[in-house]
Structures are given as C-alpha cells and as structure tokens.
Amino acid sequence: REMDRSLALVGLGSAAGALTWWLARRPTWSKEERELREDLADAHILSHHYGFDELVWNHISARVEGNEFLVTSGEEHFEEVTPASLVKSSSANANITADVIHRAIYEARPDVGAIVHHHTTAAAAVGVMKSGLKLLVQDGAAFYGKVGYHPWEGVSDDYDECARLAESLGPTNHTLIMRNHGALTVGRTVAEAWVRYFYLERVCKVQVACGKHDVVEPDDAVLAHAAAQYVPKTNGDAAGGGGFTHGDAEWASLRRLAARVRSRRVLPVRL
C-alpha cells in the first residue's frame, strides 16, 4: 500500500512504470567510476569513525578523469556520504574551498589520484609548531623527505592560491602540513591517501604527547633506510621498494569496517 502511494505521488501506477522510472534515473557510471565512488564514500565513513571529520568541512577527493574529481557537495556530514551523493568538481554544487585546494594539486600533479584533507587535532597542532613535523617513531619514516609546508592565507576561496599550494607541496612530496590550518596527504589511490593520513595523525600525536621532553630522534641514515621500505614495489622487482606501501595491506579490512559502521555494528572511536 505504501509503495502504491509512493508510485502515485510520482505519477506511476504500476511496477512496470516504477521500473521504467528507476531505469531512467539510475546512475550511468562506468565500472571504474563506481568502484572509485565506493572507495571514496568508505573513506568518508572511516574518517567519521576515527574522529577525523569536522562537521561538514574538510574534503576527501578522487580524480575521475583529467583534472576532474569527485568530492562532497560540502553540505553532508561524513557519516551521510554515499557513492551517489558525491559530486564532480565541475558541478555547480561543488564547494569552493575543496575546488581551490584539490584542483591546485590535481592540475600540478598528474601522479595524484586522491587527496585527503583534514583538520585533525594533532596534525593541526604540529602545523603551528615552528619545528614542523618530527619523525620520532617507525610510522614516521614513510614521511621522510616527503613533507611540504604551506602558510595560512585564510579560508581557501581564492583561486590565486592554487599555484602557491602546488608549489608548497612540490613535485614529489605526498604530505602537506598547512600552517595554522590542518594537513593533507595525496596518493595514487583513495586507499593510499587515506591510510597515509591515518599514519600522519598518529605520528603527530606522538610528537604532541612528547611535549618538551628530551627524545631520542632517529638519525637520517636510519630514516632514509626505513623510508625506502615504504616505497611501492614495481614490476615485481624486490629491490624497487619494501612493499609496506600505505593502503596495500590495510584497505580491504578497512572497507569491511566501513560496512560494519554503516550497519551500526561498531561504535565510533576517538584516537
């Protein structure tokens, strides 16, 4: 009866009519875009689960083709994001701060397939420290020689900032500490960019927890050796990297976690 009432409201009087109505409106994504949307939606759910989100602000995006990318409209809580609710950067609904920050990087870095930008507490705290990011623990080795810094210019609603953002990140860095603001990580995939941010926040938390205590800092030789262990292996060449690439081992289990979060079978955590 409720279905009949709903059909009547949209002018449909039969199941055949409903099917026709649905087929005309269903998404026409390619297999690749559908999988990308699913990864990106799960990344938003995971950021909410781990307490990385800030109401409807912050952005996680993924390149679709060329310099066009998928992102939220800026009006949804991360817990609400679905594959279908993501919009393309060319859409009139795309939010300007995401467009400025993310477009700057996609246009300058063809190697980047996804970007995660958050204002998490520890990363923001490190961003106001004159020392910048200190690599005190094993997880920090992945960031050795891969971190840029960008001065705060106010809310990013000016496209003139794009060139400066791209310059701050540089041609090979995968992490940008945004002074007095937050941080972002990039990756070839959503998995790589999101897991990279997860570890960035952990490294920042260790630094903040140490405060002004005397610490034992790894020397550059050890950090350089460990950093190479996080480089992706290429073409099966064992010498091409250590195989501990962000996201490779973690993402499948994280997607299962996202499914459980959606079904309310697990409660959010605050790291």
Protein backbone atom coordinates (compact mmCIF):
# COMPACT_ATOMS: atom_id res chain seq x y z
CA ARG A 1 0.00 0.00 0.00
CA GLU A 2 2.82 2.40 0.89
CA MET A 3 4.55 1.53 -2.39
CA ASP A 4 1.33 2.21 -4.32
CA ARG A 5 1.04 5.58 -2.58
CA SER A 6 4.65 6.42 -3.45
CA LEU A 7 4.12 5.41 -7.05
CA ALA A 8 1.05 7.56 -7.23
CA LEU A 9 2.96 10.55 -5.90
CA VAL A 10 5.39 10.36 -8.81
CA GLY A 11 2.67 9.56 -11.31
CA LEU A 12 3.41 5.85 -11.57
CA GLY A 13 0.62 3.34 -11.28
CA SER A 14 2.37 0.01 -11.76
CA ALA A 15 5.52 -1.94 -11.08
CA ALA A 16 6.41 -1.64 -14.77
CA GLY A 17 6.06 2.11 -14.52
CA ALA A 18 8.22 2.18 -11.41
CA LEU A 19 10.92 0.13 -13.15
CA THR A 20 10.89 2.48 -16.12
CA TRP A 21 11.14 5.47 -13.79
CA TRP A 22 14.06 3.92 -11.90
CA LEU A 23 15.95 2.85 -15.02
CA ALA A 24 15.71 6.39 -16.38
CA ARG A 25 17.29 7.77 -13.22
CA ARG A 26 19.81 5.15 -12.18
CA PRO A 27 23.48 6.17 -12.28
CA THR A 28 25.26 5.51 -15.55
CA TRP A 29 28.73 5.15 -14.05
CA SER A 30 31.42 3.02 -15.58
CA LYS A 31 32.71 0.09 -13.53
CA GLU A 32 35.82 2.11 -12.71
CA GLU A 33 33.86 5.15 -11.55
CA ARG A 34 31.51 3.02 -9.44
CA GLU A 35 34.45 1.39 -7.65
CA LEU A 36 36.07 4.79 -7.15
CA ARG A 37 32.86 6.20 -5.67
CA GLU A 38 32.57 3.23 -3.31
CA ASP A 39 36.16 3.66 -2.12
CA LEU A 40 35.66 7.39 -1.63
CA ALA A 41 32.39 7.00 0.25
CA ASP A 42 34.02 4.44 2.54
CA ALA A 43 36.90 6.85 3.18
CA HIS A 44 34.39 9.40 4.48
CA ILE A 45 32.74 6.80 6.73
CA LEU A 46 36.16 5.80 8.09
CA SER A 47 37.16 9.41 8.74
CA HIS A 48 33.96 9.84 10.74
CA HIS A 49 34.58 6.59 12.61
CA TYR A 50 38.08 7.64 13.66
CA GLY A 51 37.06 11.20 14.52
CA PHE A 52 38.95 12.88 11.68
CA ASP A 53 35.96 14.84 10.37
CA GLU A 54 34.80 18.31 11.34
CA LEU A 55 31.03 18.52 10.80
CA VAL A 56 30.55 19.05 7.03
CA TRP A 57 34.00 20.56 6.50
CA ASN A 58 37.26 19.03 5.25
CA HIS A 59 37.47 17.16 1.98
CA ILE A 60 38.41 13.79 0.56
CA SER A 61 38.52 13.59 -3.23
CA ALA A 62 39.43 11.26 -6.07
CA ARG A 63 40.39 12.04 -9.64
CA VAL A 64 37.87 10.84 -12.22
CA GLU A 65 39.45 11.88 -15.49
CA GLY A 66 41.74 14.69 -16.47
CA ASN A 67 41.66 17.20 -13.64
CA GLU A 68 38.04 16.49 -12.74
CA PHE A 69 37.47 14.92 -9.34
CA LEU A 70 34.77 13.55 -7.05
CA VAL A 71 34.10 15.34 -3.76
CA THR A 72 31.22 16.06 -1.39
CA SER A 73 28.92 19.00 -2.02
CA GLY A 74 30.03 20.45 1.32
CA GLU A 75 26.59 20.04 2.86
CA GLU A 76 26.77 16.48 4.18
CA HIS A 77 28.12 15.08 7.41
CA PHE A 78 30.73 12.45 6.57
CA GLU A 79 28.51 9.75 8.02
CA GLU A 80 25.91 10.58 5.36
CA VAL A 81 28.17 10.31 2.32
CA THR A 82 27.27 7.63 -0.22
CA PRO A 83 28.65 6.80 -3.67
CA ALA A 84 25.67 8.56 -5.24
CA SER A 85 25.93 11.73 -3.14
CA LEU A 86 29.43 12.57 -4.35
CA VAL A 87 29.56 15.32 -6.97
CA LYS A 88 32.08 16.14 -9.65
CA SER A 89 34.22 19.22 -9.29
CA SER A 90 32.62 20.66 -12.42
CA SER A 91 29.22 20.61 -10.68
CA ALA A 92 27.68 23.86 -9.51
CA ASN A 93 27.23 22.14 -6.14
CA ALA A 94 30.94 21.53 -5.57
CA ASN A 95 32.26 23.62 -2.69
CA ILE A 96 34.80 26.32 -3.40
CA THR A 97 37.38 25.53 -0.72
CA ALA A 98 37.62 21.95 -1.94
CA ASP A 99 37.86 23.19 -5.51
CA VAL A 100 40.72 25.56 -4.71
CA ILE A 101 42.80 23.13 -2.62
CA HIS A 102 42.22 19.94 -4.57
CA ARG A 103 42.19 21.40 -8.08
CA ALA A 104 45.56 23.02 -7.37
CA ILE A 105 47.10 19.64 -6.71
CA TYR A 106 45.39 17.63 -9.45
CA GLU A 107 46.43 20.17 -12.07
CA ALA A 108 50.04 20.23 -10.89
CA ARG A 109 50.49 16.54 -10.06
CA PRO A 110 49.27 14.02 -12.67
CA ASP A 111 50.57 11.22 -10.45
CA VAL A 112 48.00 12.03 -7.74
CA GLY A 113 44.77 10.05 -7.81
CA ALA A 114 43.28 11.01 -4.44
CA ILE A 115 43.62 13.65 -1.72
CA VAL A 116 42.68 13.58 1.97
CA HIS A 117 42.45 16.94 3.77
CA HIS A 118 41.52 17.17 7.45
CA HIS A 119 41.88 19.49 10.44
CA THR A 120 42.64 16.76 12.97
CA THR A 121 43.86 17.96 16.34
CA ALA A 122 47.37 16.52 16.34
CA ALA A 123 48.16 17.46 12.73
CA ALA A 124 46.83 20.98 13.32
CA ALA A 125 48.94 21.24 16.49
CA VAL A 126 52.09 20.24 14.62
CA GLY A 127 51.18 22.79 11.98
CA VAL A 128 51.57 25.63 14.48
CA MET A 129 54.89 24.36 15.83
CA LYS A 130 57.91 26.14 14.39
CA SER A 131 59.78 22.83 14.30
CA GLY A 132 57.23 21.30 11.98
CA LEU A 133 56.78 17.52 11.80
CA LYS A 134 59.29 15.42 13.74
CA LEU A 135 59.74 11.81 12.70
CA LEU A 136 60.19 10.18 16.10
CA VAL A 137 58.74 6.72 15.54
CA GLN A 138 58.71 3.97 12.93
CA ASP A 139 55.50 5.15 11.24
CA GLY A 140 57.18 8.49 10.63
CA ALA A 141 59.77 7.01 8.29
CA ALA A 142 57.25 6.95 5.45
CA PHE A 143 57.19 10.76 5.60
CA TYR A 144 60.97 11.23 5.41
CA GLY A 145 61.74 13.74 2.65
CA LYS A 146 58.08 13.78 1.59
CA VAL A 147 56.60 16.69 3.57
CA GLY A 148 55.93 20.23 2.37
CA TYR A 149 54.62 23.27 4.28
CA HIS A 150 52.09 25.89 3.25
CA PRO A 151 51.48 29.18 5.09
CA TRP A 152 47.93 30.02 6.09
CA GLU A 153 46.25 32.56 3.79
CA GLY A 154 42.79 32.49 5.34
CA VAL A 155 39.86 30.39 4.11
CA SER A 156 40.83 28.94 0.73
CA ASP A 157 38.30 30.65 -1.53
CA ASP A 158 40.76 32.40 -3.85
CA TYR A 159 41.91 30.56 -6.98
CA ASP A 160 45.10 32.61 -6.95
CA GLU A 161 46.20 30.38 -4.05
CA CYS A 162 46.23 27.31 -6.31
CA ALA A 163 49.68 27.97 -7.71
CA ARG A 164 51.11 28.59 -4.25
CA LEU A 165 49.55 25.40 -2.86
CA ALA A 166 51.02 23.37 -5.69
CA GLU A 167 54.43 24.95 -5.14
CA SER A 168 54.27 24.21 -1.40
CA LEU A 169 53.51 20.53 -1.99
CA GLY A 170 56.20 20.28 -4.65
CA PRO A 171 56.66 17.69 -7.41
CA THR A 172 57.37 14.63 -5.25
CA ASN A 173 56.03 15.21 -1.71
CA HIS A 174 52.97 13.26 -0.62
CA THR A 175 52.13 15.26 2.53
CA LEU A 176 51.44 18.93 3.12
CA ILE A 177 51.39 20.49 6.56
CA MET A 178 49.13 23.54 6.28
CA ARG A 179 50.28 26.05 8.88
CA ASN A 180 47.58 27.21 11.35
CA HIS A 181 45.09 25.10 9.40
CA GLY A 182 45.46 21.31 9.08
CA ALA A 183 47.14 18.88 6.74
CA LEU A 184 46.64 16.84 3.61
CA THR A 185 48.02 13.68 2.10
CA VAL A 186 47.96 12.53 -1.51
CA GLY A 187 48.18 9.10 -3.07
CA ARG A 188 47.76 7.16 -6.26
CA THR A 189 44.54 5.74 -4.86
CA VAL A 190 41.96 6.57 -2.20
CA ALA A 191 43.37 3.70 -0.14
CA GLU A 192 46.91 5.06 -0.22
CA ALA A 193 45.93 8.67 0.53
CA TRP A 194 43.55 7.78 3.38
CA VAL A 195 45.83 5.27 5.12
CA ARG A 196 48.69 7.74 4.75
CA TYR A 197 46.67 10.37 6.62
CA PHE A 198 45.84 7.84 9.33
CA TYR A 199 49.56 7.32 9.98
CA LEU A 200 50.32 11.03 9.69
CA GLU A 201 47.89 11.76 12.51
CA ARG A 202 49.45 9.01 14.66
CA VAL A 203 52.94 10.41 14.08
CA CYS A 204 51.68 13.89 15.02
CA LYS A 205 50.02 12.53 18.17
CA VAL A 206 53.32 11.02 19.31
CA GLN A 207 55.08 14.35 18.75
CA VAL A 208 52.41 16.25 20.70
CA ALA A 209 52.47 13.67 23.50
CA CYS A 210 56.24 14.06 23.88
CA GLY A 211 55.84 17.77 24.56
CA LYS A 212 59.10 19.31 25.70
CA HIS A 213 60.59 16.07 26.96
CA ASP A 214 64.02 15.01 25.75
CA VAL A 215 63.52 12.46 22.98
CA VAL A 216 65.69 10.07 21.02
CA GLU A 217 65.41 11.07 17.36
CA PRO A 218 66.39 8.56 14.65
CA ASP A 219 69.35 9.64 12.56
CA ASP A 220 69.00 10.41 8.86
CA ALA A 221 70.65 7.19 7.73
CA VAL A 222 68.13 5.03 9.56
CA LEU A 223 65.23 7.18 8.40
CA ALA A 224 66.39 7.00 4.78
CA HIS A 225 66.70 3.21 5.01
CA ALA A 226 63.26 2.86 6.59
CA ALA A 227 61.70 5.31 4.12
CA ALA A 228 62.78 3.05 1.25
CA GLN A 229 60.82 0.23 2.86
CA TYR A 230 57.61 2.20 2.28
CA VAL A 231 58.27 2.73 -1.43
CA PRO A 232 55.96 0.64 -3.65
CA LYS A 233 57.48 -2.34 -5.38
CA THR A 234 57.32 -2.06 -9.15
CA ASN A 235 57.12 -4.80 -11.75
CA GLY A 236 57.82 -7.46 -9.15
CA ASP A 237 61.29 -6.06 -8.53
CA ALA A 238 62.16 -6.81 -4.90
CA ALA A 239 64.73 -4.02 -4.97
CA GLY A 240 62.11 -1.50 -6.07
CA GLY A 241 60.72 -0.98 -2.59
CA GLY A 242 59.99 -2.66 0.68
CA GLY A 243 56.37 -3.41 0.00
CA PHE A 244 54.94 -1.55 3.03
CA THR A 245 53.06 0.90 0.85
CA HIS A 246 50.26 2.74 2.62
CA GLY A 247 46.93 1.09 1.97
CA ASP A 248 48.09 -2.12 0.33
CA ALA A 249 47.64 -4.32 3.40
CA GLU A 250 45.06 -2.26 5.26
CA TRP A 251 42.37 -1.19 2.80
CA ALA A 252 40.37 -4.40 2.36
CA SER A 253 39.87 -4.73 6.12
CA LEU A 254 39.08 -1.02 6.42
CA ARG A 255 36.33 -1.38 3.83
CA ARG A 256 34.84 -4.21 5.85
CA LEU A 257 34.99 -1.95 8.89
CA ALA A 258 33.18 0.79 6.94
CA ALA A 259 30.39 -1.69 6.15
CA ARG A 260 30.04 -2.53 9.84
CA VAL A 261 29.98 1.17 10.75
CA ARG A 262 27.14 1.73 8.28
CA SER A 263 25.16 -1.12 9.83
CA ARG A 264 25.76 0.39 13.29
CA ARG A 265 27.50 -2.77 14.48
CA VAL A 266 30.51 -0.83 15.77
CA LEU A 267 30.77 2.45 17.65
CA PRO A 268 33.00 5.37 16.58
CA VAL A 269 36.43 5.59 18.16
CA ARG A 270 38.47 8.64 19.03
CA LEU A 271 42.18 8.04 18.66
